[in-house]
C-alpha atoms as a PDB file:
ATOM      1  CA  MET A   1      82.950 -92.473 -15.256  1.00  0.00           C
ATOM      2  CA  GLN A   2      86.544 -93.715 -14.764  1.00  0.00           C
ATOM      3  CA  TYR A   3      86.860 -94.168 -18.519  1.00  0.00           C
ATOM      4  CA  TRP A   4      85.990 -90.502 -19.166  1.00  0.00           C
ATOM      5  CA  LYS A   5      88.514 -89.291 -16.575  1.00  0.00           C
ATOM      6  CA  GLN A   6      91.230 -91.310 -18.245  1.00  0.00           C
ATOM      7  CA  MET A   7      90.171 -90.081 -21.673  1.00  0.00           C
ATOM      8  CA  LYS A   8      90.171 -86.480 -20.467  1.00  0.00           C
ATOM      9  CA  SER A   9      93.656 -86.903 -18.957  1.00  0.00           C
ATOM     10  CA  CYS A  10      94.905 -88.408 -22.203  1.00  0.00           C
ATOM     11  CA  LEU A  11      93.458 -85.535 -24.258  1.00  0.00           C
ATOM     12  CA  VAL A  12      94.996 -82.937 -21.936  1.00  0.00           C
ATOM     13  CA  PHE A  13      98.386 -84.657 -22.223  1.00  0.00           C
ATOM     14  CA  LEU A  14      98.178 -84.840 -26.025  1.00  0.00           C
ATOM     15  CA  THR A  15      97.146 -81.188 -26.258  1.00  0.00           C
ATOM     16  CA  MET A  16     100.057 -80.110 -24.066  1.00  0.00           C
ATOM     17  CA  ALA A  17     102.456 -82.224 -26.110  1.00  0.00           C
ATOM     18  CA  LEU A  18     101.253 -80.700 -29.380  1.00  0.00           C
ATOM     19  CA  VAL A  19     101.484 -77.164 -28.009  1.00  0.00           C
ATOM     20  CA  SER A  20     105.023 -77.732 -26.754  1.00  0.00           C
ATOM     21  CA  VAL A  21     106.121 -79.175 -30.102  1.00  0.00           C
ATOM     22  CA  ALA A  22     104.566 -76.254 -31.982  1.00  0.00           C
ATOM     23  CA  ALA A  23     106.197 -73.727 -29.653  1.00  0.00           C
ATOM     24  CA  ALA A  24     109.655 -75.351 -29.721  1.00  0.00           C
ATOM     25  CA  PRO A  25     112.305 -73.181 -31.367  1.00  0.00           C
ATOM     26  CA  ARG A  26     113.256 -74.299 -34.833  1.00  0.00           C
ATOM     27  CA  ALA A  27     116.769 -74.217 -36.175  1.00  0.00           C
ATOM     28  CA  LEU A  28     117.111 -71.486 -38.732  1.00  0.00           C
ATOM     29  CA  ALA A  29     118.298 -72.752 -42.061  1.00  0.00           C
ATOM     30  CA  TYR A  30     120.651 -70.708 -44.156  1.00  0.00           C
ATOM     31  CA  HIS A  31     123.081 -71.337 -46.973  1.00  0.00           C
ATOM     32  CA  GLU A  32     126.819 -71.090 -46.503  1.00  0.00           C
ATOM     33  CA  VAL A  33     128.731 -69.596 -49.415  1.00  0.00           C
ATOM     34  CA  GLY A  34     132.049 -67.888 -49.935  1.00  0.00           C
ATOM     35  CA  ALA A  35     135.285 -68.399 -48.055  1.00  0.00           C
ATOM     36  CA  GLY A  36     133.425 -69.818 -45.048  1.00  0.00           C
ATOM     37  CA  ILE A  37     133.019 -73.177 -46.722  1.00  0.00           C
ATOM     38  CA  ASP A  38     136.792 -73.583 -47.013  1.00  0.00           C
ATOM     39  CA  THR A  39     138.580 -75.635 -44.388  1.00  0.00           C
ATOM     40  CA  CYS A  40     140.599 -74.357 -41.492  1.00  0.00           C
ATOM     41  CA  ALA A  41     143.649 -75.787 -43.261  1.00  0.00           C
ATOM     42  CA  THR A  42     142.977 -73.329 -46.085  1.00  0.00           C
ATOM     43  CA  TRP A  43     142.644 -70.475 -43.555  1.00  0.00           C
ATOM     44  CA  THR A  44     145.979 -71.411 -41.976  1.00  0.00           C
ATOM     45  CA  SER A  45     147.686 -71.681 -45.357  1.00  0.00           C
ATOM     46  CA  ASP A  46     146.224 -68.390 -46.591  1.00  0.00           C
ATOM     47  CA  ARG A  47     147.305 -66.611 -43.409  1.00  0.00           C
ATOM     48  CA  GLN A  48     150.962 -67.458 -44.137  1.00  0.00           C
ATOM     49  CA  SER A  49     150.838 -64.377 -46.405  1.00  0.00           C
ATOM     50  CA  PRO A  50     148.592 -62.064 -44.368  1.00  0.00           C
ATOM     51  CA  ALA A  51     148.592 -59.289 -46.967  1.00  0.00           C
ATOM     52  CA  GLY A  52     147.704 -61.640 -49.819  1.00  0.00           C
ATOM     53  CA  PRO A  53     144.270 -61.666 -51.450  1.00  0.00           C
ATOM     54  CA  PRO A  54     143.290 -65.144 -50.128  1.00  0.00           C
ATOM     55  CA  ALA A  55     144.009 -64.141 -46.520  1.00  0.00           C
ATOM     56  CA  LEU A  56     142.161 -60.843 -46.922  1.00  0.00           C
ATOM     57  CA  GLN A  57     139.176 -62.662 -48.382  1.00  0.00           C
ATOM     58  CA  ASP A  58     139.092 -65.157 -45.509  1.00  0.00           C
ATOM     59  CA  GLU A  59     139.518 -62.484 -42.849  1.00  0.00           C
ATOM     60  CA  GLN A  60     136.788 -60.278 -44.282  1.00  0.00           C
ATOM     61  CA  TRP A  61     134.438 -63.247 -44.621  1.00  0.00           C
ATOM     62  CA  VAL A  62     134.848 -64.028 -40.895  1.00  0.00           C
ATOM     63  CA  LEU A  63     134.293 -60.392 -39.909  1.00  0.00           C
ATOM     64  CA  GLY A  64     131.255 -60.169 -42.184  1.00  0.00           C
ATOM     65  CA  PHE A  65     129.786 -63.355 -40.728  1.00  0.00           C
ATOM     66  CA  LEU A  66     130.219 -62.102 -37.167  1.00  0.00           C
ATOM     67  CA  THR A  67     128.961 -58.630 -38.073  1.00  0.00           C
ATOM     68  CA  GLY A  68     125.904 -60.247 -39.659  1.00  0.00           C
ATOM     69  CA  ILE A  69     125.156 -62.064 -36.417  1.00  0.00           C
ATOM     70  CA  GLY A  70     125.313 -58.745 -34.591  1.00  0.00           C
ATOM     71  CA  PHE A  71     123.071 -57.101 -37.174  1.00  0.00           C
ATOM     72  CA  ALA A  72     120.432 -59.815 -37.514  1.00  0.00           C
ATOM     73  CA  GLY A  73     120.575 -61.311 -34.026  1.00  0.00           C
ATOM     74  CA  SER A  74     118.891 -60.228 -30.879  1.00  0.00           C
ATOM     75  CA  VAL A  75     120.065 -57.230 -28.889  1.00  0.00           C
ATOM     76  CA  ALA A  76     122.302 -59.548 -26.850  1.00  0.00           C
ATOM     77  CA  ASP A  77     124.091 -60.941 -29.939  1.00  0.00           C
ATOM     78  CA  ASP A  78     127.184 -58.841 -30.582  1.00  0.00           C
ATOM     79  CA  PRO A  79     130.198 -61.136 -30.990  1.00  0.00           C
ATOM     80  CA  LEU A  80     132.512 -58.269 -31.955  1.00  0.00           C
ATOM     81  CA  ASN A  81     131.823 -56.221 -28.847  1.00  0.00           C
ATOM     82  CA  GLY A  82     135.139 -55.472 -27.143  1.00  0.00           C
ATOM     83  CA  VAL A  83     137.351 -57.222 -29.682  1.00  0.00           C
ATOM     84  CA  ASP A  84     139.175 -55.904 -32.734  1.00  0.00           C
ATOM     85  CA  ALA A  85     139.794 -57.628 -36.063  1.00  0.00           C
ATOM     86  CA  ALA A  86     143.299 -58.773 -35.098  1.00  0.00           C
ATOM     87  CA  GLY A  87     141.879 -60.394 -31.960  1.00  0.00           C
ATOM     88  CA  VAL A  88     139.293 -62.286 -34.014  1.00  0.00           C
ATOM     89  CA  TRP A  89     141.882 -63.464 -36.505  1.00  0.00           C
ATOM     90  CA  GLY A  90     144.246 -64.596 -33.756  1.00  0.00           C
ATOM     91  CA  TRP A  91     141.457 -66.594 -32.120  1.00  0.00           C
ATOM     92  CA  ILE A  92     140.536 -68.184 -35.463  1.00  0.00           C
ATOM     93  CA  ASP A  93     144.255 -68.937 -36.095  1.00  0.00           C
ATOM     94  CA  SER A  94     144.440 -70.897 -32.837  1.00  0.00           C
ATOM     95  CA  TYR A  95     141.160 -72.692 -33.431  1.00  0.00           C
ATOM     96  CA  CYS A  96     142.060 -73.680 -36.984  1.00  0.00           C
ATOM     97  CA  LYS A  97     145.537 -74.937 -36.126  1.00  0.00           C
ATOM     98  CA  GLN A  98     143.914 -77.457 -33.781  1.00  0.00           C
ATOM     99  CA  ARG A  99     141.109 -78.430 -36.203  1.00  0.00           C
ATOM    100  CA  PRO A 100     142.407 -78.189 -39.800  1.00  0.00           C
ATOM    101  CA  GLU A 101     139.630 -80.371 -41.235  1.00  0.00           C
ATOM    102  CA  GLU A 102     136.756 -78.192 -40.010  1.00  0.00           C
ATOM    103  CA  LYS A 103     135.119 -75.484 -42.101  1.00  0.00           C
ATOM    104  CA  LEU A 104     135.931 -71.846 -41.510  1.00  0.00           C
ATOM    105  CA  VAL A 105     132.250 -71.208 -40.763  1.00  0.00           C
ATOM    106  CA  THR A 106     132.490 -73.733 -37.926  1.00  0.00           C
ATOM    107  CA  ALA A 107     135.408 -71.769 -36.491  1.00  0.00           C
ATOM    108  CA  ALA A 108     133.425 -68.520 -36.787  1.00  0.00           C
ATOM    109  CA  ARG A 109     130.449 -70.128 -35.017  1.00  0.00           C
ATOM    110  CA  ALA A 110     132.783 -71.348 -32.261  1.00  0.00           C
ATOM    111  CA  PHE A 111     134.113 -67.815 -31.861  1.00  0.00           C
ATOM    112  CA  PHE A 112     130.550 -66.548 -31.479  1.00  0.00           C
ATOM    113  CA  ARG A 113     129.693 -69.198 -28.864  1.00  0.00           C
ATOM    114  CA  SER A 114     132.888 -68.629 -26.879  1.00  0.00           C
ATOM    115  CA  HIS A 115     132.636 -64.848 -26.561  1.00  0.00           C
ATOM    116  CA  PRO A 116     130.201 -63.091 -24.305  1.00  0.00           C
ATOM    117  CA  HIS A 117     127.690 -61.164 -26.318  1.00  0.00           C
END
């Protein structure tokens, strides 16, 4: 009888473990393309001429990335709520000056995580 109790407990534990693994959120995979794969050093260099095509490309990529999060995310995901484009770019400027080796997409993700949505 003791054997069956132990076996039943083991089966319950294994079932719960499998259910929790199956229900665990999975990281969404996506491909990064465009200006977001450039480094922060490139962002900083491009922003030396803010009206130049490279800076405009970088800036619009960041805004598009953040807008996409707002569009595809949950109702609570709106990283651009209460901030204008110049505010985003200034935040990215500061982030990238401190971390020139990181990708621009990493800076955009950090912006998203640091702003209430």
